Structures are given as structure tokens and as C-alpha cells.
Amino acid sequence: MDWTRWKNLVELVRSLDPGKSSGRFTYSDADIVLTWLWAAAHLRAVSWACRGESWPIHVRGTRRPSPSRMTRRLRSKSVKALIEAVEQELRGVTVGRWLFAVDGKAMHVARHSADRLATFGAWGARGYKLHAICDMQGRIVAWRVTPMNCGETKMAKRLLHNSGVAGYVLGDSGYDSTKLHKACAEHDTQLIAPRKTTRRGRGVRRGGTTPPRRRSIDLTECDQTGFGSALQAARKTIERVFGRLENRFGIGRIPASVRGIQRVRRWIQAVIILDLVLDRRPQASR
């Protein structure tokens, strides 16, 4: 990340810190968040960012919080609220957006890792999974981190319930579930996902299928206007998002310093914030 973008991020974090002048702590919530983001931006452990030599030479004289202080403060409600506010400010509102894509990304840890919460998933892989919904501009609007063995359809329902997205949501065949189609319809959303089976027709069961799922089948198999094929092509947006996060931050393999689901979630949140900053057009700082 270039220094101009970093300075803009510093201004944003400090402007959103409600307790910046309270004097309650030696280090403000903004100081804690910026130290945490500096470590994630350089793919290093938080303890690395607590050392002065890890920063540019013109800011090395600034005092930094200790690793133990960082651990305690990152768990506090005020710091968590500030991180959420920064992420929301960078993401912007979803009003006016009507097309989204949903998918999951496996994040591996070593098979012999002592992390008890890292579970085994498909093909014997062990670790966690990032479940995300993105818009067509490549911005993640909702996400969750779960153990590797957590089902994608189950997490998609939770994401839709909490994100407030409406319109079309595009997924692969792994999301072809009658229950998920119903859940999407309850939130004014149409799920478009190819059927898992190769059978053709209006439904796959004796009783047929629900209207939302029938609409998905029509658009993926019977559409003659080209709208359905365009929607399926647009689903690749989220694959490009995961590819970008992999190239920038290597999310496919979790760093050795990040273990436990809470730390993995914090690390992913830092990655998402930094990705939003990098995709922003840099503005000259005041």
C-alpha cells in the first residue's frame, strides 16, 4: 500500500474514533486499529507492528502499544465498534444495487496444526472457510468465517438475513437448495443457481418445485433471451474477488501467527478493509 492511501486510511480511522479525546487510555482506539491494520497490510504478525523499526523512518519515534495490550484492546467493544464503522464507511450503502454473487473460499491450515477449531472439509483439507456476498463492483457486502466443514447453504441464509441485500443473488450448483430458495424469496431476493442434477424438466421431485426455484431453473436452462446466461457469467465476479484477495494477501493459507476462529475473523476483516482501501482512488491528504 502506498503512503498516500495509508494517510487517507489514518484520517478515516481517526475521524470515526468517538473516544479520541477522552484520555481514558494511553493509546486511543484509533492507535490500536491502525497498528493492527499495518501488520495485516504487510502480511506480518501484530507483534511485528508493535516495534518501531517496522514503521517508516519518519514515524519511528512514535510510541507503539505492546503485543499484550494489542491483544486485550482488540477484544474490547469500543475497538470492535470502530473496526465495524471503518468497514461500513469504506463499503458504502447497498441501496440501488440489485445484483450480487455468493460463494465460499477455503482457507487452509496445516494438517498437524494445534488449532482445535480448524476442521476437515472436502478432499481432506483442514482449516476455515470464508463465506461472502459481493456486488458486481467486486466489493464484499457481507461475510462470515466458519470452520471448513460448515455448509455453504446454511451460511448463505444467515448472510442474506443480516446483509439486507435484495435483487438477484448468483451462486453455483452448491447453492441449489429448496430451503435456500425459499429463504431468498422471503427477503425479496431471487437466487439463481444451476441445478445439481442433470435431469431436465420443471422439477426434480414428484410434487414439482417451489416458484422461486422454478424461476431459477427457467433462467439457467430454458431462457431464450440471453438474460439467464448473462447472469451466470456475472457470477464469476466473486471468483475474481477471491482471486484478488489471494494475490494480495494469500487468504488461501492462513498465516502461522493467526490461529483460532476469533483471530481468523479479525485477520479476514483487516484483509477486507485493506482491499477496499486499495480499490479506492487515492485522494491527496490535507
Protein backbone atom coordinates (compact mmCIF):
# COMPACT_ATOMS: atom_id res chain seq x y z
CA MET A 1 0.00 0.00 0.00
CA ASP A 2 1.40 3.41 -0.97
CA TRP A 3 1.82 6.10 1.68
CA THR A 4 -0.93 8.35 0.25
CA ARG A 5 -3.56 5.64 0.66
CA TRP A 6 -2.27 4.86 4.13
CA LYS A 7 -2.53 8.51 5.20
CA ASN A 8 -6.10 8.64 3.91
CA LEU A 9 -6.88 5.50 5.91
CA VAL A 10 -5.32 7.07 9.02
CA GLU A 11 -7.53 10.15 8.62
CA LEU A 12 -10.62 7.98 8.16
CA VAL A 13 -9.94 5.82 11.23
CA ARG A 14 -9.19 8.80 13.46
CA SER A 15 -12.28 10.67 12.26
CA LEU A 16 -14.50 7.70 13.16
CA ASP A 17 -13.00 7.19 16.63
CA PRO A 18 -15.61 8.58 19.08
CA GLY A 19 -13.28 8.40 22.09
CA LYS A 20 -10.22 10.01 20.53
CA SER A 21 -10.11 12.82 23.09
CA SER A 22 -11.36 11.02 26.20
CA GLY A 23 -7.91 10.41 27.65
CA ARG A 24 -9.03 7.14 29.23
CA PHE A 25 -6.23 5.08 27.65
CA THR A 26 -2.62 5.77 26.80
CA TYR A 27 -3.41 4.67 23.26
CA SER A 28 -6.68 5.55 21.57
CA ASP A 29 -8.84 3.01 19.79
CA ALA A 30 -7.61 4.50 16.51
CA ASP A 31 -3.99 3.77 17.50
CA ILE A 32 -4.87 0.13 18.17
CA VAL A 33 -6.78 -0.26 14.90
CA LEU A 34 -4.04 1.37 12.81
CA THR A 35 -1.33 -0.81 14.36
CA TRP A 36 -3.46 -3.88 13.62
CA LEU A 37 -4.04 -2.79 10.01
CA TRP A 38 -0.33 -2.02 9.50
CA ALA A 39 0.54 -5.60 10.42
CA ALA A 40 -2.11 -7.05 8.08
CA ALA A 41 -1.03 -4.77 5.22
CA HIS A 42 2.49 -6.21 5.43
CA LEU A 43 1.36 -9.82 5.99
CA ARG A 44 3.03 -9.90 9.40
CA ALA A 45 2.03 -10.69 12.97
CA VAL A 46 0.60 -7.94 15.17
CA SER A 47 3.66 -8.15 17.43
CA TRP A 48 5.81 -7.09 14.45
CA ALA A 49 3.83 -3.84 14.07
CA CYS A 50 4.40 -3.05 17.77
CA ARG A 51 8.11 -2.46 17.09
CA GLY A 52 9.25 0.97 15.96
CA GLU A 53 11.62 -0.39 13.33
CA SER A 54 8.66 -1.92 11.50
CA TRP A 55 7.44 1.55 10.51
CA PRO A 56 8.83 4.16 8.08
CA ILE A 57 11.77 6.09 9.45
CA HIS A 58 9.91 9.40 9.78
CA VAL A 59 7.35 7.90 12.20
CA ARG A 60 9.57 5.55 14.20
CA GLY A 61 9.71 7.96 17.11
CA THR A 62 6.01 7.38 17.86
CA ARG A 63 5.31 5.11 20.81
CA ARG A 64 3.58 1.84 19.93
CA PRO A 65 1.35 -0.38 22.11
CA SER A 66 2.80 -3.65 23.35
CA PRO A 67 1.62 -7.01 21.92
CA SER A 68 -0.21 -7.87 25.16
CA ARG A 69 -2.00 -4.52 25.11
CA MET A 70 -2.98 -5.09 21.48
CA THR A 71 -4.44 -8.48 22.37
CA ARG A 72 -6.56 -7.02 25.17
CA ARG A 73 -7.74 -3.94 23.31
CA LEU A 74 -8.65 -5.76 20.09
CA ARG A 75 -11.19 -7.72 22.15
CA SER A 76 -12.82 -4.60 23.59
CA LYS A 77 -16.26 -3.47 22.43
CA SER A 78 -15.12 0.04 21.51
CA VAL A 79 -12.33 -1.19 19.22
CA LYS A 80 -14.64 -3.73 17.58
CA ALA A 81 -17.22 -0.99 17.01
CA LEU A 82 -14.58 1.25 15.43
CA ILE A 83 -13.44 -1.54 13.11
CA GLU A 84 -17.05 -2.15 12.04
CA ALA A 85 -17.54 1.57 11.42
CA VAL A 86 -14.42 1.75 9.24
CA GLU A 87 -15.50 -1.27 7.20
CA GLN A 88 -19.02 0.11 6.72
CA GLU A 89 -17.72 3.53 5.72
CA LEU A 90 -15.41 2.06 3.09
CA ARG A 91 -18.06 -0.31 1.76
CA GLY A 92 -20.79 2.28 1.41
CA VAL A 93 -24.52 1.55 1.23
CA THR A 94 -26.07 -1.21 -0.84
CA VAL A 95 -29.12 0.84 -1.84
CA GLY A 96 -29.52 0.79 -5.61
CA ARG A 97 -27.56 -2.41 -6.11
CA TRP A 98 -29.62 -5.32 -7.38
CA LEU A 99 -27.12 -7.95 -8.49
CA PHE A 100 -24.92 -9.93 -6.10
CA ALA A 101 -22.89 -13.16 -6.06
CA VAL A 102 -22.35 -15.63 -3.22
CA ASP A 103 -19.62 -18.22 -2.74
CA GLY A 104 -17.22 -19.75 -0.24
CA LYS A 105 -13.42 -19.76 -0.12
CA ALA A 106 -11.44 -22.44 1.70
CA MET A 107 -8.59 -21.17 3.89
CA HIS A 108 -6.13 -23.89 4.83
CA VAL A 109 -4.03 -24.56 7.88
CA ALA A 110 -1.51 -27.38 8.25
CA ARG A 111 -2.98 -30.80 8.96
CA HIS A 112 -0.77 -31.13 12.05
CA SER A 113 -1.77 -27.68 13.44
CA ALA A 114 -2.74 -27.50 17.11
CA ASP A 115 -5.72 -25.28 16.26
CA ARG A 116 -8.64 -27.30 17.63
CA LEU A 117 -11.30 -25.25 15.84
CA ALA A 118 -9.83 -25.86 12.38
CA THR A 119 -11.88 -28.72 10.92
CA PHE A 120 -11.54 -31.00 7.92
CA GLY A 121 -13.58 -30.38 4.80
CA ALA A 122 -13.72 -31.74 1.27
CA TRP A 123 -10.70 -33.60 -0.12
CA GLY A 124 -9.12 -33.85 3.32
CA ALA A 125 -8.36 -30.11 3.56
CA ARG A 126 -8.24 -28.60 7.04
CA GLY A 127 -8.91 -25.04 8.10
CA TYR A 128 -11.65 -22.46 7.84
CA LYS A 129 -13.96 -21.11 5.15
CA LEU A 130 -14.81 -17.56 4.15
CA HIS A 131 -18.45 -17.18 3.07
CA ALA A 132 -19.12 -13.92 1.24
CA ILE A 133 -21.60 -11.96 -0.84
CA CYS A 134 -20.22 -9.34 -3.21
CA ASP A 135 -21.72 -6.82 -5.62
CA MET A 136 -20.78 -6.52 -9.27
CA GLN A 137 -18.13 -3.88 -8.47
CA GLY A 138 -16.23 -6.54 -6.55
CA ARG A 139 -16.96 -5.16 -3.07
CA ILE A 140 -17.78 -7.65 -0.33
CA VAL A 141 -21.05 -6.56 1.30
CA ALA A 142 -21.45 -9.43 3.78
CA TRP A 143 -19.16 -12.16 5.03
CA ARG A 144 -18.69 -14.83 7.70
CA VAL A 145 -15.82 -17.09 8.72
CA THR A 146 -16.63 -20.64 9.82
CA PRO A 147 -14.80 -23.95 10.26
CA MET A 148 -14.15 -25.75 6.98
CA ASN A 149 -16.98 -28.27 7.42
CA CYS A 150 -19.78 -25.68 7.72
CA GLY A 151 -22.33 -25.91 4.90
CA GLU A 152 -22.44 -23.13 2.31
CA THR A 153 -26.25 -23.05 2.00
CA LYS A 154 -26.63 -22.70 5.77
CA MET A 155 -24.26 -19.73 5.87
CA ALA A 156 -25.84 -18.17 2.76
CA LYS A 157 -29.18 -17.96 4.60
CA ARG A 158 -27.53 -16.19 7.53
CA LEU A 159 -25.72 -13.77 5.23
CA LEU A 160 -28.93 -12.90 3.40
CA HIS A 161 -30.76 -12.39 6.71
CA ASN A 162 -28.15 -9.95 8.06
CA SER A 163 -26.94 -8.14 4.94
CA GLY A 164 -30.19 -6.66 3.68
CA VAL A 165 -29.38 -7.30 0.01
CA ALA A 166 -32.28 -7.54 -2.44
CA GLY A 167 -32.50 -8.38 -6.12
CA TYR A 168 -30.69 -11.28 -7.76
CA VAL A 169 -28.13 -13.42 -5.92
CA LEU A 170 -25.96 -15.65 -8.10
CA GLY A 171 -24.45 -18.90 -6.87
CA ASP A 172 -23.00 -22.13 -8.21
CA SER A 173 -24.77 -25.50 -8.11
CA GLY A 174 -23.77 -25.98 -4.48
CA TYR A 175 -26.41 -23.41 -3.53
CA ASP A 176 -29.26 -25.19 -5.33
CA SER A 177 -31.44 -25.85 -2.31
CA THR A 178 -35.20 -25.52 -1.98
CA LYS A 179 -34.84 -24.15 1.56
CA LEU A 180 -32.35 -21.53 0.39
CA HIS A 181 -34.61 -20.51 -2.50
CA LYS A 182 -37.45 -20.02 0.00
CA ALA A 183 -35.21 -18.03 2.35
CA CYS A 184 -34.15 -15.77 -0.52
CA ALA A 185 -37.77 -15.20 -1.56
CA GLU A 186 -38.62 -14.13 2.00
CA HIS A 187 -36.00 -11.36 1.66
CA ASP A 188 -37.25 -10.16 -1.77
CA THR A 189 -34.32 -11.89 -3.43
CA GLN A 190 -34.18 -14.30 -6.35
CA LEU A 191 -31.47 -16.94 -6.10
CA ILE A 192 -30.03 -18.06 -9.44
CA ALA A 193 -28.13 -21.36 -9.12
CA PRO A 194 -27.77 -24.21 -11.65
CA ARG A 195 -29.32 -27.50 -10.58
CA LYS A 196 -27.06 -30.14 -9.13
CA THR A 197 -28.77 -32.82 -11.19
CA THR A 198 -28.53 -33.15 -14.97
CA ARG A 199 -32.23 -34.05 -15.29
CA ARG A 200 -34.35 -31.64 -17.29
CA GLY A 201 -37.91 -30.54 -16.72
CA ARG A 202 -39.87 -28.36 -14.35
CA GLY A 203 -38.79 -30.06 -11.13
CA VAL A 204 -36.86 -32.93 -9.63
CA ARG A 205 -39.48 -34.31 -7.25
CA ARG A 206 -42.94 -35.73 -7.67
CA GLY A 207 -44.56 -32.64 -6.24
CA GLY A 208 -42.64 -30.30 -8.53
CA THR A 209 -40.72 -27.45 -7.01
CA THR A 210 -41.30 -24.03 -5.49
CA PRO A 211 -41.87 -20.95 -7.69
CA PRO A 212 -38.53 -19.29 -6.75
CA ARG A 213 -36.60 -22.44 -7.66
CA ARG A 214 -38.65 -22.87 -10.83
CA ARG A 215 -37.69 -19.33 -11.82
CA SER A 216 -34.03 -20.24 -11.31
CA ILE A 217 -34.43 -23.36 -13.44
CA ASP A 218 -36.10 -21.37 -16.20
CA LEU A 219 -33.31 -18.79 -16.28
CA THR A 220 -30.48 -21.31 -16.20
CA GLU A 221 -31.93 -23.94 -18.56
CA CYS A 222 -34.86 -22.59 -20.59
CA ASP A 223 -34.15 -18.89 -21.12
CA GLN A 224 -34.05 -17.77 -24.76
CA THR A 225 -33.46 -14.06 -24.18
CA GLY A 226 -29.84 -14.31 -23.02
CA PHE A 227 -30.63 -12.81 -19.61
CA GLY A 228 -30.06 -16.09 -17.80
CA SER A 229 -26.69 -16.74 -19.45
CA ALA A 230 -25.62 -13.17 -18.66
CA LEU A 231 -26.47 -13.74 -15.01
CA GLN A 232 -24.46 -16.96 -14.90
CA ALA A 233 -21.48 -15.19 -16.46
CA ALA A 234 -21.74 -12.40 -13.86
CA ARG A 235 -21.37 -14.96 -11.06
CA LYS A 236 -17.65 -15.14 -11.83
CA THR A 237 -17.28 -11.74 -10.19
CA ILE A 238 -16.95 -13.31 -6.76
CA GLU A 239 -14.34 -15.75 -8.05
CA ARG A 240 -12.33 -12.77 -9.24
CA VAL A 241 -12.76 -11.18 -5.79
CA PHE A 242 -11.36 -14.28 -4.09
CA GLY A 243 -8.54 -14.39 -6.64
CA ARG A 244 -7.69 -10.77 -5.89
CA LEU A 245 -7.63 -11.42 -2.14
CA GLU A 246 -5.44 -14.45 -2.74
CA ASN A 247 -2.95 -12.46 -4.84
CA ARG A 248 -2.82 -9.54 -2.42
CA PHE A 249 -2.98 -11.27 0.95
CA GLY A 250 -2.72 -15.03 0.37
CA ILE A 251 -6.02 -15.87 2.08
CA GLY A 252 -5.91 -19.44 0.77
CA ARG A 253 -3.39 -20.31 3.51
CA ILE A 254 -3.83 -18.69 6.89
CA PRO A 255 -0.60 -17.24 8.38
CA ALA A 256 1.02 -19.24 11.16
CA SER A 257 0.52 -16.33 13.58
CA VAL A 258 -3.28 -16.47 13.10
CA ARG A 259 -4.90 -19.40 14.88
CA GLY A 260 -8.33 -19.75 16.43
CA ILE A 261 -11.54 -18.65 14.77
CA GLN A 262 -11.65 -15.24 16.50
CA ARG A 263 -8.19 -14.31 15.25
CA VAL A 264 -9.00 -15.65 11.80
CA ARG A 265 -12.11 -13.45 11.70
CA ARG A 266 -10.13 -10.39 12.75
CA TRP A 267 -7.49 -11.12 10.13
CA ILE A 268 -10.09 -11.50 7.38
CA GLN A 269 -11.77 -8.27 8.47
CA ALA A 270 -8.43 -6.48 8.18
CA VAL A 271 -7.94 -8.01 4.73
CA ILE A 272 -11.38 -6.82 3.58
CA ILE A 273 -10.78 -3.29 4.90
CA LEU A 274 -7.38 -3.06 3.20
CA ASP A 275 -8.80 -4.45 -0.03
CA LEU A 276 -11.48 -1.74 -0.02
CA VAL A 277 -8.79 0.89 0.56
CA LEU A 278 -6.63 -0.42 -2.28
CA ASP A 279 -9.58 -0.35 -4.68
CA ARG A 280 -10.35 3.24 -3.81
CA ARG A 281 -8.94 6.01 -5.94
CA PRO A 282 -6.25 7.68 -3.79
CA GLN A 283 -7.04 11.22 -2.67
CA ALA A 284 -4.46 13.80 -1.77
CA SER A 285 -4.26 14.16 2.00
CA ARG A 286 -4.83 17.54 3.56
